[in-house]
Amino acid sequence: MSSQRPAPFEFDVDLSAHEMLRRAHVLDALGPDWDPVAALRGEEEAYELLYSGLDADQQRVHDELVSAGVLPPRGGGHAAP
């Protein structure tokens, strides 16, 4: 019996069509009234509310996390005004 391994076999799968179908389903689930700009504004407002009213120590930790890139900067303008 031979102990030689078979030659490597190249295997490619193109998932482009599946990805387009997945995106179509996502957009369909979001519905015609979905407003991405309003969604981004809402996220920015929620972020501002979440990190408002911090005491000095909490603000220091928040600033360290922003500096380290763990949290995005406040008022970063992620959504259009």
PDB file of N, CA and C in Angstrom:
ATOM      1  N   MET A   1       0.841  -1.172   0.000  1.00  0.00           N
ATOM      2  CA  MET A   1       0.000   0.000   0.000  1.00  0.00           C
ATOM      3  C   MET A   1       0.895   1.246   0.000  1.00  0.00           C
ATOM      4  N   SER A   2       0.540   2.239  -0.759  1.00  0.00           N
ATOM      5  CA  SER A   2       1.335   3.450  -0.889  1.00  0.00           C
ATOM      6  C   SER A   2       0.985   4.440   0.222  1.00  0.00           C
ATOM      7  N   SER A   3       1.994   5.118   0.772  1.00  0.00           N
ATOM      8  CA  SER A   3       1.756   6.093   1.827  1.00  0.00           C
ATOM      9  C   SER A   3       1.786   7.518   1.288  1.00  0.00           C
ATOM     10  N   GLN A   4       1.730   7.647  -0.026  1.00  0.00           N
ATOM     11  CA  GLN A   4       1.745   8.973  -0.627  1.00  0.00           C
ATOM     12  C   GLN A   4       0.383   9.644  -0.455  1.00  0.00           C
ATOM     13  N   ARG A   5       0.443  10.933  -0.178  1.00  0.00           N
ATOM     14  CA  ARG A   5      -0.794  11.708  -0.038  1.00  0.00           C
ATOM     15  C   ARG A   5      -1.234  12.182  -1.420  1.00  0.00           C
ATOM     16  N   PRO A   6      -2.543  12.316  -1.610  1.00  0.00           N
ATOM     17  CA  PRO A   6      -3.006  12.831  -2.902  1.00  0.00           C
ATOM     18  C   PRO A   6      -2.620  14.301  -3.045  1.00  0.00           C
ATOM     19  N   ALA A   7      -2.541  14.736  -4.271  1.00  0.00           N
ATOM     20  CA  ALA A   7      -2.206  16.136  -4.553  1.00  0.00           C
ATOM     21  C   ALA A   7      -3.276  17.037  -3.939  1.00  0.00           C
ATOM     22  N   PRO A   8      -2.887  18.236  -3.499  1.00  0.00           N
ATOM     23  CA  PRO A   8      -3.880  19.175  -2.931  1.00  0.00           C
ATOM     24  C   PRO A   8      -4.969  19.485  -3.954  1.00  0.00           C
ATOM     25  N   PHE A   9      -6.151  19.675  -3.450  1.00  0.00           N
ATOM     26  CA  PHE A   9      -7.301  19.956  -4.295  1.00  0.00           C
ATOM     27  C   PHE A   9      -7.804  21.355  -3.965  1.00  0.00           C
ATOM     28  N   GLU A  10      -7.938  22.201  -4.980  1.00  0.00           N
ATOM     29  CA  GLU A  10      -8.430  23.553  -4.766  1.00  0.00           C
ATOM     30  C   GLU A  10      -9.956  23.539  -4.760  1.00  0.00           C
ATOM     31  N   PHE A  11     -10.515  24.169  -3.722  1.00  0.00           N
ATOM     32  CA  PHE A  11     -11.969  24.162  -3.551  1.00  0.00           C
ATOM     33  C   PHE A  11     -12.424  25.595  -3.319  1.00  0.00           C
ATOM     34  N   ASP A  12     -13.237  26.126  -4.198  1.00  0.00           N
ATOM     35  CA  ASP A  12     -13.754  27.482  -4.084  1.00  0.00           C
ATOM     36  C   ASP A  12     -15.278  27.454  -4.046  1.00  0.00           C
ATOM     37  N   VAL A  13     -15.832  28.305  -3.190  1.00  0.00           N
ATOM     38  CA  VAL A  13     -17.283  28.454  -3.116  1.00  0.00           C
ATOM     39  C   VAL A  13     -17.592  29.935  -3.252  1.00  0.00           C
ATOM     40  N   ASP A  14     -18.416  30.274  -4.194  1.00  0.00           N
ATOM     41  CA  ASP A  14     -18.816  31.660  -4.399  1.00  0.00           C
ATOM     42  C   ASP A  14     -20.147  31.884  -3.694  1.00  0.00           C
ATOM     43  N   LEU A  15     -20.125  32.697  -2.634  1.00  0.00           N
ATOM     44  CA  LEU A  15     -21.327  32.959  -1.850  1.00  0.00           C
ATOM     45  C   LEU A  15     -21.975  34.296  -2.220  1.00  0.00           C
ATOM     46  N   SER A  16     -21.570  34.885  -3.330  1.00  0.00           N
ATOM     47  CA  SER A  16     -22.088  36.195  -3.724  1.00  0.00           C
ATOM     48  C   SER A  16     -23.614  36.194  -3.846  1.00  0.00           C
ATOM     49  N   ALA A  17     -24.162  35.214  -4.507  1.00  0.00           N
ATOM     50  CA  ALA A  17     -25.618  35.160  -4.690  1.00  0.00           C
ATOM     51  C   ALA A  17     -26.314  34.999  -3.349  1.00  0.00           C
ATOM     52  N   HIS A  18     -25.766  34.180  -2.479  1.00  0.00           N
ATOM     53  CA  HIS A  18     -26.363  33.982  -1.158  1.00  0.00           C
ATOM     54  C   HIS A  18     -26.305  35.280  -0.351  1.00  0.00           C
ATOM     55  N   GLU A  19     -25.198  36.009  -0.441  1.00  0.00           N
ATOM     56  CA  GLU A  19     -25.065  37.267   0.285  1.00  0.00           C
ATOM     57  C   GLU A  19     -26.070  38.295  -0.224  1.00  0.00           C
ATOM     58  N   MET A  20     -26.277  38.353  -1.511  1.00  0.00           N
ATOM     59  CA  MET A  20     -27.261  39.290  -2.057  1.00  0.00           C
ATOM     60  C   MET A  20     -28.672  38.918  -1.583  1.00  0.00           C
ATOM     61  N   LEU A  21     -28.981  37.640  -1.527  1.00  0.00           N
ATOM     62  CA  LEU A  21     -30.276  37.188  -1.030  1.00  0.00           C
ATOM     63  C   LEU A  21     -30.428  37.530   0.451  1.00  0.00           C
ATOM     64  N   ARG A  22     -29.368  37.339   1.235  1.00  0.00           N
ATOM     65  CA  ARG A  22     -29.414  37.662   2.656  1.00  0.00           C
ATOM     66  C   ARG A  22     -29.672  39.154   2.854  1.00  0.00           C
ATOM     67  N   ARG A  23     -28.989  39.991   2.093  1.00  0.00           N
ATOM     68  CA  ARG A  23     -29.195  41.433   2.202  1.00  0.00           C
ATOM     69  C   ARG A  23     -30.613  41.824   1.809  1.00  0.00           C
ATOM     70  N   ALA A  24     -31.137  41.199   0.782  1.00  0.00           N
ATOM     71  CA  ALA A  24     -32.513  41.486   0.368  1.00  0.00           C
ATOM     72  C   ALA A  24     -33.492  41.129   1.479  1.00  0.00           C
ATOM     73  N   HIS A  25     -33.260  40.012   2.156  1.00  0.00           N
ATOM     74  CA  HIS A  25     -34.134  39.609   3.266  1.00  0.00           C
ATOM     75  C   HIS A  25     -34.024  40.589   4.439  1.00  0.00           C
ATOM     76  N   VAL A  26     -32.826  41.064   4.715  1.00  0.00           N
ATOM     77  CA  VAL A  26     -32.639  42.034   5.802  1.00  0.00           C
ATOM     78  C   VAL A  26     -33.399  43.319   5.487  1.00  0.00           C
ATOM     79  N   LEU A  27     -33.223  43.836   4.279  1.00  0.00           N
ATOM     80  CA  LEU A  27     -33.924  45.064   3.903  1.00  0.00           C
ATOM     81  C   LEU A  27     -35.432  44.870   3.899  1.00  0.00           C
ATOM     82  N   ASP A  28     -35.887  43.706   3.480  1.00  0.00           N
ATOM     83  CA  ASP A  28     -37.321  43.407   3.502  1.00  0.00           C
ATOM     84  C   ASP A  28     -37.846  43.381   4.933  1.00  0.00           C
ATOM     85  N   ALA A  29     -37.049  42.807   5.846  1.00  0.00           N
ATOM     86  CA  ALA A  29     -37.460  42.740   7.251  1.00  0.00           C
ATOM     87  C   ALA A  29     -37.481  44.122   7.896  1.00  0.00           C
ATOM     88  N   LEU A  30     -36.581  45.006   7.475  1.00  0.00           N
ATOM     89  CA  LEU A  30     -36.558  46.362   8.022  1.00  0.00           C
ATOM     90  C   LEU A  30     -37.781  47.162   7.586  1.00  0.00           C
ATOM     91  N   GLY A  31     -38.300  46.860   6.429  1.00  0.00           N
ATOM     92  CA  GLY A  31     -39.520  47.513   5.949  1.00  0.00           C
ATOM     93  C   GLY A  31     -39.246  48.819   5.229  1.00  0.00           C
ATOM     94  N   PRO A  32     -40.256  49.337   4.551  1.00  0.00           N
ATOM     95  CA  PRO A  32     -40.077  50.547   3.738  1.00  0.00           C
ATOM     96  C   PRO A  32     -39.917  51.824   4.559  1.00  0.00           C
ATOM     97  N   ASP A  33     -40.291  51.797   5.830  1.00  0.00           N
ATOM     98  CA  ASP A  33     -40.225  52.996   6.659  1.00  0.00           C
ATOM     99  C   ASP A  33     -38.902  53.153   7.392  1.00  0.00           C
ATOM    100  N   TRP A  34     -37.985  52.204   7.226  1.00  0.00           N
ATOM    101  CA  TRP A  34     -36.706  52.270   7.916  1.00  0.00           C
ATOM    102  C   TRP A  34     -35.889  53.439   7.379  1.00  0.00           C
ATOM    103  N   ASP A  35     -35.412  54.261   8.285  1.00  0.00           N
ATOM    104  CA  ASP A  35     -34.620  55.439   7.933  1.00  0.00           C
ATOM    105  C   ASP A  35     -33.240  55.283   8.566  1.00  0.00           C
ATOM    106  N   PRO A  36     -32.217  54.949   7.774  1.00  0.00           N
ATOM    107  CA  PRO A  36     -30.895  54.708   8.360  1.00  0.00           C
ATOM    108  C   PRO A  36     -30.311  55.946   9.039  1.00  0.00           C
ATOM    109  N   VAL A  37     -30.591  57.142   8.523  1.00  0.00           N
ATOM    110  CA  VAL A  37     -30.073  58.357   9.148  1.00  0.00           C
ATOM    111  C   VAL A  37     -30.721  58.551  10.515  1.00  0.00           C
ATOM    112  N   ALA A  38     -32.025  58.332  10.594  1.00  0.00           N
ATOM    113  CA  ALA A  38     -32.716  58.448  11.883  1.00  0.00           C
ATOM    114  C   ALA A  38     -32.205  57.388  12.867  1.00  0.00           C
ATOM    115  N   ALA A  39     -31.916  56.202  12.373  1.00  0.00           N
ATOM    116  CA  ALA A  39     -31.386  55.150  13.240  1.00  0.00           C
ATOM    117  C   ALA A  39     -30.025  55.554  13.799  1.00  0.00           C
ATOM    118  N   LEU A  40     -29.166  56.131  12.967  1.00  0.00           N
ATOM    119  CA  LEU A  40     -27.859  56.578  13.437  1.00  0.00           C
ATOM    120  C   LEU A  40     -27.995  57.734  14.430  1.00  0.00           C
ATOM    121  N   ARG A  41     -28.917  58.638  14.167  1.00  0.00           N
ATOM    122  CA  ARG A  41     -29.155  59.733  15.115  1.00  0.00           C
ATOM    123  C   ARG A  41     -29.610  59.183  16.464  1.00  0.00           C
ATOM    124  N   GLY A  42     -30.516  58.215  16.423  1.00  0.00           N
ATOM    125  CA  GLY A  42     -30.997  57.600  17.653  1.00  0.00           C
ATOM    126  C   GLY A  42     -29.879  56.921  18.423  1.00  0.00           C
ATOM    127  N   GLU A  43     -28.967  56.276  17.711  1.00  0.00           N
ATOM    128  CA  GLU A  43     -27.830  55.644  18.376  1.00  0.00           C
ATOM    129  C   GLU A  43     -26.941  56.691  19.040  1.00  0.00           C
ATOM    130  N   GLU A  44     -26.710  57.808  18.350  1.00  0.00           N
ATOM    131  CA  GLU A  44     -25.885  58.870  18.919  1.00  0.00           C
ATOM    132  C   GLU A  44     -26.563  59.468  20.154  1.00  0.00           C
ATOM    133  N   GLU A  45     -27.866  59.684  20.089  1.00  0.00           N
ATOM    134  CA  GLU A  45     -28.602  60.218  21.239  1.00  0.00           C
ATOM    135  C   GLU A  45     -28.543  59.254  22.421  1.00  0.00           C
ATOM    136  N   ALA A  46     -28.692  57.956  22.142  1.00  0.00           N
ATOM    137  CA  ALA A  46     -28.620  56.953  23.207  1.00  0.00           C
ATOM    138  C   ALA A  46     -27.225  56.922  23.819  1.00  0.00           C
ATOM    139  N   TYR A  47     -26.197  57.040  23.001  1.00  0.00           N
ATOM    140  CA  TYR A  47     -24.822  57.055  23.488  1.00  0.00           C
ATOM    141  C   TYR A  47     -24.602  58.264  24.392  1.00  0.00           C
ATOM    142  N   GLU A  48     -25.074  59.433  23.948  1.00  0.00           N
ATOM    143  CA  GLU A  48     -24.919  60.647  24.753  1.00  0.00           C
ATOM    144  C   GLU A  48     -25.652  60.506  26.088  1.00  0.00           C
ATOM    145  N   LEU A  49     -26.844  59.938  26.063  1.00  0.00           N
ATOM    146  CA  LEU A  49     -27.609  59.748  27.297  1.00  0.00           C
ATOM    147  C   LEU A  49     -26.919  58.755  28.228  1.00  0.00           C
ATOM    148  N   LEU A  50     -26.397  57.690  27.650  1.00  0.00           N
ATOM    149  CA  LEU A  50     -25.740  56.658  28.446  1.00  0.00           C
ATOM    150  C   LEU A  50     -24.541  57.206  29.204  1.00  0.00           C
ATOM    151  N   TYR A  51     -23.784  58.094  28.558  1.00  0.00           N
ATOM    152  CA  TYR A  51     -22.561  58.595  29.166  1.00  0.00           C
ATOM    153  C   TYR A  51     -22.708  60.015  29.702  1.00  0.00           C
ATOM    154  N   SER A  52     -23.935  60.492  29.912  1.00  0.00           N
ATOM    155  CA  SER A  52     -24.135  61.810  30.503  1.00  0.00           C
ATOM    156  C   SER A  52     -24.187  61.679  32.027  1.00  0.00           C
ATOM    157  N   GLY A  53     -23.850  62.735  32.709  1.00  0.00           N
ATOM    158  CA  GLY A  53     -23.942  62.742  34.166  1.00  0.00           C
ATOM    159  C   GLY A  53     -22.920  61.879  34.870  1.00  0.00           C
ATOM    160  N   LEU A  54     -21.783  61.623  34.240  1.00  0.00           N
ATOM    161  CA  LEU A  54     -20.745  60.818  34.885  1.00  0.00           C
ATOM    162  C   LEU A  54     -20.064  61.640  35.974  1.00  0.00           C
ATOM    163  N   ASP A  55     -19.721  60.970  37.084  1.00  0.00           N
ATOM    164  CA  ASP A  55     -18.927  61.671  38.092  1.00  0.00           C
ATOM    165  C   ASP A  55     -17.478  61.732  37.596  1.00  0.00           C
ATOM    166  N   ALA A  56     -16.611  62.391  38.350  1.00  0.00           N
ATOM    167  CA  ALA A  56     -15.227  62.625  37.902  1.00  0.00           C
ATOM    168  C   ALA A  56     -14.480  61.315  37.635  1.00  0.00           C
ATOM    169  N   ASP A  57     -14.646  60.328  38.510  1.00  0.00           N
ATOM    170  CA  ASP A  57     -13.943  59.056  38.321  1.00  0.00           C
ATOM    171  C   ASP A  57     -14.478  58.309  37.109  1.00  0.00           C
ATOM    172  N   GLN A  58     -15.799  58.304  36.955  1.00  0.00           N
ATOM    173  CA  GLN A  58     -16.399  57.646  35.788  1.00  0.00           C
ATOM    174  C   GLN A  58     -15.955  58.330  34.496  1.00  0.00           C
ATOM    175  N   GLN A  59     -15.881  59.665  34.515  1.00  0.00           N
ATOM    176  CA  GLN A  59     -15.446  60.406  33.336  1.00  0.00           C
ATOM    177  C   GLN A  59     -13.999  60.088  32.997  1.00  0.00           C
ATOM    178  N   ARG A  60     -13.168  59.957  34.029  1.00  0.00           N
ATOM    179  CA  ARG A  60     -11.765  59.601  33.809  1.00  0.00           C
ATOM    180  C   ARG A  60     -11.661  58.239  33.126  1.00  0.00           C
ATOM    181  N   VAL A  61     -12.413  57.258  33.633  1.00  0.00           N
ATOM    182  CA  VAL A  61     -12.393  55.916  33.035  1.00  0.00           C
ATOM    183  C   VAL A  61     -12.911  55.982  31.604  1.00  0.00           C
ATOM    184  N   HIS A  62     -13.990  56.736  31.385  1.00  0.00           N
ATOM    185  CA  HIS A  62     -14.536  56.885  30.036  1.00  0.00           C
ATOM    186  C   HIS A  62     -13.485  57.470  29.100  1.00  0.00           C
ATOM    187  N   ASP A  63     -12.807  58.527  29.553  1.00  0.00           N
ATOM    188  CA  ASP A  63     -11.779  59.162  28.728  1.00  0.00           C
ATOM    189  C   ASP A  63     -10.641  58.198  28.403  1.00  0.00           C
ATOM    190  N   GLU A  64     -10.259  57.370  29.376  1.00  0.00           N
ATOM    191  CA  GLU A  64      -9.212  56.372  29.135  1.00  0.00           C
ATOM    192  C   GLU A  64      -9.661  55.354  28.096  1.00  0.00           C
ATOM    193  N   LEU A  65     -10.911  54.934  28.172  1.00  0.00           N
ATOM    194  CA  LEU A  65     -11.425  53.967  27.202  1.00  0.00           C
ATOM    195  C   LEU A  65     -11.495  54.567  25.803  1.00  0.00           C
ATOM    196  N   VAL A  66     -11.867  55.848  25.721  1.00  0.00           N
ATOM    197  CA  VAL A  66     -11.890  56.523  24.423  1.00  0.00           C
ATOM    198  C   VAL A  66     -10.468  56.624  23.874  1.00  0.00           C
ATOM    199  N   SER A  67      -9.517  57.025  24.726  1.00  0.00           N
ATOM    200  CA  SER A  67      -8.116  57.155  24.295  1.00  0.00           C
ATOM    201  C   SER A  67      -7.551  55.827  23.813  1.00  0.00           C
ATOM    202  N   ALA A  68      -7.989  54.742  24.447  1.00  0.00           N
ATOM    203  CA  ALA A  68      -7.507  53.408  24.073  1.00  0.00           C
ATOM    204  C   ALA A  68      -8.224  52.861  22.841  1.00  0.00           C
ATOM    205  N   GLY A  69      -9.251  53.577  22.368  1.00  0.00           N
ATOM    206  CA  GLY A  69      -9.981  53.115  21.191  1.00  0.00           C
ATOM    207  C   GLY A  69     -11.043  52.082  21.492  1.00  0.00           C
ATOM    208  N   VAL A  70     -11.333  51.871  22.774  1.00  0.00           N
ATOM    209  CA  VAL A  70     -12.358  50.897  23.161  1.00  0.00           C
ATOM    210  C   VAL A  70     -13.751  51.473  22.913  1.00  0.00           C
ATOM    211  N   LEU A  71     -13.911  52.777  23.210  1.00  0.00           N
ATOM    212  CA  LEU A  71     -15.175  53.470  22.978  1.00  0.00           C
ATOM    213  C   LEU A  71     -14.939  54.575  21.959  1.00  0.00           C
ATOM    214  N   PRO A  72     -15.961  54.881  21.140  1.00  0.00           N
ATOM    215  CA  PRO A  72     -15.819  56.002  20.217  1.00  0.00           C
ATOM    216  C   PRO A  72     -15.932  57.320  20.959  1.00  0.00           C
ATOM    217  N   PRO A  73     -15.356  58.404  20.432  1.00  0.00           N
ATOM    218  CA  PRO A  73     -15.469  59.688  21.093  1.00  0.00           C
ATOM    219  C   PRO A  73     -16.913  60.191  21.102  1.00  0.00           C
ATOM    220  N   ARG A  74     -17.263  60.908  22.134  1.00  0.00           N
ATOM    221  CA  ARG A  74     -18.613  61.479  22.211  1.00  0.00           C
ATOM    222  C   ARG A  74     -18.717  62.598  21.205  1.00  0.00           C
ATOM    223  N   GLY A  75     -19.923  62.749  20.643  1.00  0.00           N
ATOM    224  CA  GLY A  75     -20.146  63.811  19.673  1.00  0.00           C
ATOM    225  C   GLY A  75     -19.305  63.639  18.427  1.00  0.00           C
ATOM    226  N   GLY A  76     -19.048  62.392  18.073  1.00  0.00           N
ATOM    227  CA  GLY A  76     -18.200  62.120  16.912  1.00  0.00           C
ATOM    228  C   GLY A  76     -18.863  62.414  15.581  1.00  0.00           C
ATOM    229  N   GLY A  77     -20.155  62.803  15.616  1.00  0.00           N
ATOM    230  CA  GLY A  77     -20.840  63.132  14.379  1.00  0.00           C
ATOM    231  C   GLY A  77     -21.076  61.934  13.492  1.00  0.00           C
ATOM    232  N   HIS A  78     -21.426  60.804  14.101  1.00  0.00           N
ATOM    233  CA  HIS A  78     -21.667  59.599  13.319  1.00  0.00           C
ATOM    234  C   HIS A  78     -22.894  59.736  12.443  1.00  0.00           C
ATOM    235  N   ALA A  79     -23.836  60.597  12.832  1.00  0.00           N
ATOM    236  CA  ALA A  79     -25.043  60.794  12.039  1.00  0.00           C
ATOM    237  C   ALA A  79     -25.108  62.245  11.603  1.00  0.00           C
ATOM    238  N   ALA A  80     -25.766  62.473  10.495  1.00  0.00           N
ATOM    239  CA  ALA A  80     -25.914  63.840  10.001  1.00  0.00           C
ATOM    240  C   ALA A  80     -26.831  64.622  10.941  1.00  0.00           C
ATOM    241  N   PRO A  81     -26.593  65.934  11.145  1.00  0.00           N
ATOM    242  CA  PRO A  81     -27.434  66.722  12.060  1.00  0.00           C
ATOM    243  C   PRO A  81     -28.839  66.902  11.538  1.00  0.00           C
TER     244      PRO A  81
END
